[in-house]
Amino acid sequence: MADTRTLGDVFKNMFRDLGIEKPIEQSKAVNLWPNVVGERVSEVATAEKIENGIMIVRVSSPVWRNELIFMKADIINKLNTALNKHVVKDIKFT
């Protein structure tokens, strides 16, 4: 009987077995930042990394930092929806 797994499933299993599935998903979340927040916000706020589910975002000014704090829950939801997985638990704006 033929194996009917897709190549994507094979890679997912391999990544999980190697213990690199989580870092890959976190990297995807960082790369999705500009698409999720839009061009204007991505000009003033840059996602740098994720550690233990907390995305670290460098912001150009305290005014933008405060604005993004109000948008945080929506941004987290959009990132996790785009990933189809709960990867981002919180965002820390620095």
N, C-alpha and C. Protein backbone atom coordinates (compact mmCIF):
# COMPACT_ATOMS: atom_id res chain seq x y z
N MET A 1 0.84 -1.18 0.00
CA MET A 1 0.00 0.00 0.00
C MET A 1 0.89 1.25 0.00
N ALA A 2 0.54 2.21 -0.81
CA ALA A 2 1.33 3.42 -0.96
C ALA A 2 1.13 4.36 0.22
N ASP A 3 2.18 5.09 0.56
CA ASP A 3 2.12 6.11 1.62
C ASP A 3 1.46 7.35 1.03
N THR A 4 0.38 7.82 1.64
CA THR A 4 -0.38 8.94 1.07
C THR A 4 -0.11 10.26 1.78
N ARG A 5 0.94 10.34 2.57
CA ARG A 5 1.27 11.59 3.24
C ARG A 5 1.78 12.60 2.22
N THR A 6 1.45 13.87 2.46
CA THR A 6 1.96 14.92 1.58
C THR A 6 3.39 15.26 1.98
N LEU A 7 4.08 15.91 1.09
CA LEU A 7 5.44 16.36 1.38
C LEU A 7 5.43 17.32 2.57
N GLY A 8 4.39 18.18 2.63
CA GLY A 8 4.25 19.11 3.77
C GLY A 8 4.13 18.37 5.08
N ASP A 9 3.36 17.29 5.10
CA ASP A 9 3.21 16.49 6.33
C ASP A 9 4.54 15.83 6.72
N VAL A 10 5.26 15.37 5.73
CA VAL A 10 6.57 14.75 6.00
C VAL A 10 7.50 15.77 6.65
N PHE A 11 7.54 16.99 6.09
CA PHE A 11 8.40 18.03 6.66
C PHE A 11 7.94 18.44 8.06
N LYS A 12 6.63 18.58 8.27
CA LYS A 12 6.14 18.92 9.60
C LYS A 12 6.57 17.89 10.63
N ASN A 13 6.42 16.62 10.27
CA ASN A 13 6.84 15.55 11.19
C ASN A 13 8.34 15.58 11.43
N MET A 14 9.10 15.83 10.37
CA MET A 14 10.55 15.88 10.51
C MET A 14 10.95 17.06 11.41
N PHE A 15 10.34 18.23 11.18
CA PHE A 15 10.65 19.40 12.01
C PHE A 15 10.30 19.15 13.47
N ARG A 16 9.15 18.51 13.69
CA ARG A 16 8.74 18.20 15.06
C ARG A 16 9.74 17.22 15.69
N ASP A 17 10.11 16.18 14.97
CA ASP A 17 11.05 15.18 15.48
C ASP A 17 12.41 15.79 15.78
N LEU A 18 12.82 16.77 14.99
CA LEU A 18 14.11 17.43 15.21
C LEU A 18 14.04 18.52 16.29
N GLY A 19 12.83 18.84 16.73
CA GLY A 19 12.67 19.86 17.76
C GLY A 19 12.79 21.28 17.23
N ILE A 20 12.55 21.47 15.95
CA ILE A 20 12.69 22.81 15.38
C ILE A 20 11.37 23.37 14.86
N GLU A 21 10.28 22.67 15.12
CA GLU A 21 8.97 23.15 14.67
C GLU A 21 8.61 24.49 15.32
N LYS A 22 8.82 24.60 16.62
CA LYS A 22 8.48 25.84 17.33
C LYS A 22 9.32 27.03 16.84
N PRO A 23 10.64 26.90 16.72
CA PRO A 23 11.42 28.03 16.19
C PRO A 23 11.00 28.43 14.77
N ILE A 24 10.62 27.48 13.96
CA ILE A 24 10.19 27.79 12.60
C ILE A 24 8.89 28.59 12.64
N GLU A 25 7.94 28.16 13.47
CA GLU A 25 6.68 28.88 13.59
C GLU A 25 6.91 30.29 14.14
N GLN A 26 7.83 30.43 15.08
CA GLN A 26 8.13 31.75 15.64
C GLN A 26 8.75 32.66 14.58
N SER A 27 9.60 32.10 13.76
CA SER A 27 10.21 32.88 12.68
C SER A 27 9.15 33.33 11.68
N LYS A 28 8.20 32.47 11.40
CA LYS A 28 7.10 32.84 10.51
C LYS A 28 6.32 34.02 11.08
N ALA A 29 6.08 33.99 12.39
CA ALA A 29 5.32 35.07 13.03
C ALA A 29 6.06 36.40 12.87
N VAL A 30 7.36 36.40 13.09
CA VAL A 30 8.16 37.62 12.94
C VAL A 30 8.09 38.11 11.50
N ASN A 31 8.18 37.20 10.55
CA ASN A 31 8.12 37.57 9.13
C ASN A 31 6.74 38.07 8.71
N LEU A 32 5.69 37.64 9.40
CA LEU A 32 4.33 38.08 9.08
C LEU A 32 4.01 39.47 9.62
N TRP A 33 4.81 39.97 10.55
CA TRP A 33 4.54 41.25 11.20
C TRP A 33 4.13 42.36 10.22
N PRO A 34 4.90 42.66 9.17
CA PRO A 34 4.52 43.76 8.28
C PRO A 34 3.17 43.54 7.60
N ASN A 35 2.87 42.31 7.23
CA ASN A 35 1.59 42.01 6.58
C ASN A 35 0.42 42.18 7.53
N VAL A 36 0.62 41.83 8.78
CA VAL A 36 -0.47 41.88 9.77
C VAL A 36 -0.73 43.31 10.22
N VAL A 37 0.32 44.08 10.48
CA VAL A 37 0.13 45.44 11.02
C VAL A 37 0.01 46.50 9.94
N GLY A 38 0.42 46.19 8.74
CA GLY A 38 0.31 47.15 7.65
C GLY A 38 1.58 47.97 7.47
N GLU A 39 1.63 48.66 6.35
CA GLU A 39 2.84 49.39 5.97
C GLU A 39 3.18 50.51 6.95
N ARG A 40 2.20 51.30 7.35
CA ARG A 40 2.47 52.46 8.22
C ARG A 40 3.05 52.02 9.56
N VAL A 41 2.43 51.05 10.19
CA VAL A 41 2.92 50.58 11.50
C VAL A 41 4.27 49.90 11.35
N SER A 42 4.45 49.13 10.29
CA SER A 42 5.73 48.43 10.12
C SER A 42 6.88 49.38 9.86
N GLU A 43 6.57 50.62 9.47
CA GLU A 43 7.62 51.63 9.31
C GLU A 43 8.13 52.12 10.67
N VAL A 44 7.31 52.03 11.70
CA VAL A 44 7.69 52.56 13.02
C VAL A 44 7.87 51.48 14.07
N ALA A 45 7.53 50.24 13.73
CA ALA A 45 7.64 49.14 14.69
C ALA A 45 8.12 47.88 13.97
N THR A 46 9.20 47.30 14.48
CA THR A 46 9.81 46.13 13.84
C THR A 46 9.83 44.95 14.80
N ALA A 47 9.23 43.85 14.37
CA ALA A 47 9.29 42.62 15.15
C ALA A 47 10.71 42.06 15.05
N GLU A 48 11.31 41.80 16.21
CA GLU A 48 12.70 41.33 16.21
C GLU A 48 12.83 39.83 16.44
N LYS A 49 12.05 39.31 17.39
CA LYS A 49 12.15 37.88 17.71
C LYS A 49 11.00 37.48 18.61
N ILE A 50 10.91 36.17 18.86
CA ILE A 50 9.95 35.65 19.82
C ILE A 50 10.71 34.76 20.79
N GLU A 51 10.47 34.97 22.07
CA GLU A 51 11.06 34.14 23.11
C GLU A 51 9.93 33.66 24.02
N ASN A 52 9.77 32.35 24.12
CA ASN A 52 8.75 31.75 24.98
C ASN A 52 7.36 32.32 24.69
N GLY A 53 7.05 32.53 23.43
CA GLY A 53 5.74 33.01 23.03
C GLY A 53 5.55 34.50 23.13
N ILE A 54 6.59 35.23 23.53
CA ILE A 54 6.50 36.68 23.65
C ILE A 54 7.28 37.32 22.51
N MET A 55 6.54 38.05 21.67
CA MET A 55 7.17 38.73 20.54
C MET A 55 7.78 40.04 21.04
N ILE A 56 9.02 40.28 20.68
CA ILE A 56 9.72 41.52 21.02
C ILE A 56 9.66 42.43 19.80
N VAL A 57 9.07 43.63 20.00
CA VAL A 57 8.90 44.57 18.91
C VAL A 57 9.58 45.89 19.27
N ARG A 58 10.50 46.33 18.43
CA ARG A 58 11.19 47.61 18.63
C ARG A 58 10.34 48.70 18.00
N VAL A 59 10.04 49.73 18.80
CA VAL A 59 9.16 50.82 18.36
C VAL A 59 9.97 52.12 18.34
N SER A 60 9.69 52.97 17.35
CA SER A 60 10.49 54.18 17.13
C SER A 60 10.21 55.30 18.13
N SER A 61 9.05 55.29 18.78
CA SER A 61 8.75 56.38 19.71
C SER A 61 7.78 55.92 20.79
N PRO A 62 7.79 56.61 21.94
CA PRO A 62 6.86 56.29 23.01
C PRO A 62 5.40 56.47 22.60
N VAL A 63 5.13 57.42 21.73
CA VAL A 63 3.75 57.65 21.27
C VAL A 63 3.25 56.41 20.51
N TRP A 64 4.08 55.89 19.60
CA TRP A 64 3.69 54.69 18.87
C TRP A 64 3.61 53.48 19.80
N ARG A 65 4.49 53.42 20.76
CA ARG A 65 4.45 52.32 21.73
C ARG A 65 3.09 52.29 22.43
N ASN A 66 2.63 53.44 22.89
CA ASN A 66 1.34 53.51 23.57
C ASN A 66 0.20 53.12 22.63
N GLU A 67 0.26 53.59 21.41
CA GLU A 67 -0.78 53.25 20.42
C GLU A 67 -0.83 51.74 20.18
N LEU A 68 0.34 51.14 20.05
CA LEU A 68 0.40 49.70 19.78
C LEU A 68 -0.06 48.87 20.97
N ILE A 69 0.15 49.38 22.17
CA ILE A 69 -0.34 48.66 23.35
C ILE A 69 -1.85 48.49 23.27
N PHE A 70 -2.56 49.51 22.79
CA PHE A 70 -4.01 49.42 22.65
C PHE A 70 -4.42 48.44 21.55
N MET A 71 -3.54 48.23 20.59
CA MET A 71 -3.83 47.34 19.46
C MET A 71 -3.32 45.91 19.69
N LYS A 72 -2.64 45.69 20.81
CA LYS A 72 -1.92 44.44 21.03
C LYS A 72 -2.80 43.19 20.89
N ALA A 73 -3.93 43.14 21.53
CA ALA A 73 -4.78 41.94 21.48
C ALA A 73 -5.19 41.62 20.05
N ASP A 74 -5.53 42.64 19.29
CA ASP A 74 -5.94 42.44 17.90
C ASP A 74 -4.76 41.94 17.06
N ILE A 75 -3.58 42.50 17.28
CA ILE A 75 -2.39 42.07 16.54
C ILE A 75 -2.06 40.61 16.85
N ILE A 76 -2.10 40.24 18.12
CA ILE A 76 -1.83 38.84 18.51
C ILE A 76 -2.82 37.91 17.83
N ASN A 77 -4.08 38.27 17.86
CA ASN A 77 -5.11 37.46 17.22
C ASN A 77 -4.86 37.30 15.72
N LYS A 78 -4.52 38.39 15.06
CA LYS A 78 -4.27 38.34 13.61
C LYS A 78 -3.04 37.49 13.29
N LEU A 79 -1.99 37.62 14.09
CA LEU A 79 -0.78 36.81 13.85
C LEU A 79 -1.09 35.32 14.00
N ASN A 80 -1.76 34.97 15.09
CA ASN A 80 -2.07 33.56 15.33
C ASN A 80 -3.05 33.01 14.30
N THR A 81 -3.98 33.84 13.84
CA THR A 81 -4.90 33.41 12.79
C THR A 81 -4.14 33.16 11.49
N ALA A 82 -3.22 34.05 11.15
CA ALA A 82 -2.42 33.88 9.94
C ALA A 82 -1.57 32.62 10.00
N LEU A 83 -1.10 32.28 11.18
CA LEU A 83 -0.27 31.09 11.36
C LEU A 83 -1.12 29.82 11.52
N ASN A 84 -2.41 30.02 11.79
CA ASN A 84 -3.31 28.90 12.07
C ASN A 84 -2.82 28.08 13.26
N LYS A 85 -2.23 28.80 14.22
CA LYS A 85 -1.64 28.17 15.40
C LYS A 85 -1.43 29.24 16.46
N HIS A 86 -1.50 28.86 17.73
CA HIS A 86 -1.30 29.82 18.82
C HIS A 86 0.20 29.89 19.14
N VAL A 87 0.90 30.76 18.43
CA VAL A 87 2.35 30.91 18.58
C VAL A 87 2.69 32.12 19.44
N VAL A 88 1.98 33.23 19.19
CA VAL A 88 2.26 34.50 19.91
C VAL A 88 1.30 34.60 21.09
N LYS A 89 1.86 34.62 22.30
CA LYS A 89 1.04 34.74 23.51
C LYS A 89 0.96 36.17 24.00
N ASP A 90 2.02 36.94 23.74
CA ASP A 90 2.07 38.33 24.19
C ASP A 90 3.05 39.08 23.30
N ILE A 91 2.98 40.40 23.37
CA ILE A 91 3.93 41.25 22.65
C ILE A 91 4.50 42.25 23.63
N LYS A 92 5.82 42.39 23.60
CA LYS A 92 6.50 43.38 24.42
C LYS A 92 7.06 44.45 23.49
N PHE A 93 6.60 45.68 23.68
CA PHE A 93 7.07 46.79 22.85
C PHE A 93 8.21 47.50 23.56
N THR A 94 9.35 47.62 22.88
CA THR A 94 10.52 48.25 23.50
C THR A 94 10.97 49.45 22.68
